[in-house]
Amino acid sequence: STVVFPFVVTDSDVQDGTATITGNSSTQVIDSFAAATYRSAKYYIQISDATADRYTLIEANVSHNGTSAFSSFGAATNGDGDGSTIYDSIDLSADINSGNVRLLGTVNNTNNQVIKLVKRVIKV
């Protein structure tokens, strides 16, 4: 049988990507989207730190008002209870730079972090 949807999705887009951010104390761009096109994004982010045997899945929400970006995060990780933060080896944040909303990461150790993500962006 054929499934018929009563509407066409025109206000959002699903994308995926991969990034590796280096282990150091500098903040690095994980992903970005055009602030003029999209108001917000929901991310599912898998972070792998194979050196430290740490693996994390983070759900992140990022939104903006054209000037500032706002974010919230929730995680599941094998690092809970070991004295580290919930995000283990990476701290996430968001900002707006040159017309783009950026998802940022700062690694808390010297290991590279492999990031795979799926995001759903919602138009302005």
Protein backbone atom coordinates (compact mmCIF):
# COMPACT_ATOMS: atom_id res chain seq x y z
CA SER A 1 0.00 0.00 0.00
CA THR A 2 1.01 3.60 -0.50
CA VAL A 3 1.35 5.99 2.40
CA VAL A 4 0.02 9.46 1.64
CA PHE A 5 1.12 12.33 3.83
CA PRO A 6 -1.36 15.19 4.20
CA PHE A 7 1.36 17.84 4.07
CA VAL A 8 4.75 18.59 2.58
CA VAL A 9 7.57 19.52 4.96
CA THR A 10 8.83 22.91 3.88
CA ASP A 11 9.92 24.57 7.10
CA SER A 12 12.71 22.21 8.20
CA ASP A 13 15.62 20.22 6.83
CA VAL A 14 17.53 17.17 8.13
CA GLN A 15 21.30 17.04 7.62
CA ASP A 16 24.20 14.98 8.93
CA GLY A 17 27.93 15.46 9.23
CA THR A 18 31.23 14.37 10.71
CA ALA A 19 33.96 16.46 12.32
CA THR A 20 37.15 15.84 14.27
CA ILE A 21 38.19 18.45 16.78
CA THR A 22 41.66 18.41 18.19
CA GLY A 23 42.51 17.90 21.81
CA ASN A 24 43.57 21.25 23.20
CA SER A 25 42.01 24.13 25.03
CA SER A 26 40.88 26.19 22.02
CA THR A 27 37.21 26.45 21.09
CA GLN A 28 36.53 24.96 17.66
CA VAL A 29 33.55 25.00 15.28
CA ILE A 30 31.70 21.68 15.08
CA ASP A 31 28.86 22.81 12.81
CA SER A 32 27.09 25.96 11.62
CA PHE A 33 23.93 27.14 9.88
CA ALA A 34 22.83 30.43 8.31
CA ALA A 35 21.08 32.65 10.85
CA ALA A 36 19.06 34.40 8.13
CA THR A 37 17.66 31.06 6.89
CA TYR A 38 17.21 29.00 10.07
CA ARG A 39 15.96 30.02 13.54
CA SER A 40 16.88 26.86 15.43
CA ALA A 41 18.35 23.37 15.26
CA LYS A 42 18.05 20.13 17.18
CA TYR A 43 21.24 18.06 17.17
CA TYR A 44 21.97 14.46 18.01
CA ILE A 45 25.75 14.36 18.53
CA GLN A 46 27.86 11.25 19.03
CA ILE A 47 31.32 11.99 20.47
CA SER A 48 34.01 9.31 20.43
CA ASP A 49 37.23 9.65 22.40
CA ALA A 50 38.75 6.25 21.60
CA THR A 51 42.00 7.10 23.43
CA ALA A 52 40.20 7.49 26.78
CA ASP A 53 37.47 4.93 25.95
CA ARG A 54 34.77 7.60 26.36
CA TYR A 55 31.64 7.67 24.23
CA THR A 56 28.82 10.16 24.55
CA LEU A 57 25.50 10.86 22.86
CA ILE A 58 24.31 14.42 23.36
CA GLU A 59 20.98 15.95 22.44
CA ALA A 60 21.48 19.67 21.84
CA ASN A 61 19.01 22.46 21.14
CA VAL A 62 20.30 25.69 19.59
CA SER A 63 18.25 28.79 18.79
CA HIS A 64 18.95 32.48 18.17
CA ASN A 65 17.35 35.90 18.04
CA GLY A 66 19.56 37.29 15.25
CA THR A 67 22.14 38.66 17.69
CA SER A 68 22.79 35.95 20.27
CA ALA A 69 22.64 32.14 20.26
CA PHE A 70 21.05 30.08 23.05
CA SER A 71 21.66 26.40 23.77
CA SER A 72 20.78 23.52 26.07
CA PHE A 73 22.26 20.02 26.28
CA GLY A 74 21.48 16.58 27.70
CA ALA A 75 23.79 13.55 27.51
CA ALA A 76 24.20 9.83 27.95
CA THR A 77 27.81 8.76 28.50
CA ASN A 78 30.00 5.99 29.85
CA GLY A 79 31.93 8.62 31.87
CA ASP A 80 29.24 9.24 34.51
CA GLY A 81 30.46 8.69 38.05
CA ASP A 82 34.16 9.00 37.28
CA GLY A 83 34.47 12.57 38.57
CA SER A 84 34.28 14.20 35.13
CA THR A 85 31.57 16.53 33.87
CA ILE A 86 28.53 15.09 32.14
CA TYR A 87 30.07 15.98 28.78
CA ASP A 88 33.30 14.14 29.67
CA SER A 89 35.97 15.36 27.33
CA ILE A 90 34.20 18.18 25.51
CA ASP A 91 32.27 21.31 26.50
CA LEU A 92 29.68 22.58 24.00
CA SER A 93 28.44 26.11 23.40
CA ALA A 94 26.91 28.21 20.60
CA ASP A 95 27.37 31.69 19.16
CA ILE A 96 26.67 33.81 16.07
CA ASN A 97 29.61 34.83 13.89
CA SER A 98 29.51 36.42 10.40
CA GLY A 99 25.83 35.61 9.96
CA ASN A 100 26.15 31.96 10.99
CA VAL A 101 24.97 30.23 14.15
CA ARG A 102 27.85 28.01 15.26
CA LEU A 103 27.89 24.92 17.46
CA LEU A 104 31.23 25.07 19.28
CA GLY A 105 33.30 22.55 21.20
CA THR A 106 36.20 22.89 23.61
CA VAL A 107 38.11 19.66 24.34
CA ASN A 108 39.05 19.19 28.00
CA ASN A 109 42.02 16.89 27.36
CA THR A 110 44.69 16.26 24.72
CA ASN A 111 42.74 13.59 22.78
CA ASN A 112 41.10 14.19 19.43
CA GLN A 113 37.30 13.87 19.48
CA VAL A 114 35.44 12.32 16.53
CA ILE A 115 31.98 13.81 16.20
CA LYS A 116 29.11 12.46 14.14
CA LEU A 117 25.90 14.44 14.13
CA VAL A 118 22.40 14.61 12.77
CA LYS A 119 20.64 17.96 12.87
CA ARG A 120 17.20 19.16 12.05
CA VAL A 121 17.12 22.86 11.27
CA ILE A 122 13.92 24.89 11.32
CA LYS A 123 13.49 27.91 9.06
CA VAL A 124 13.05 31.47 10.32
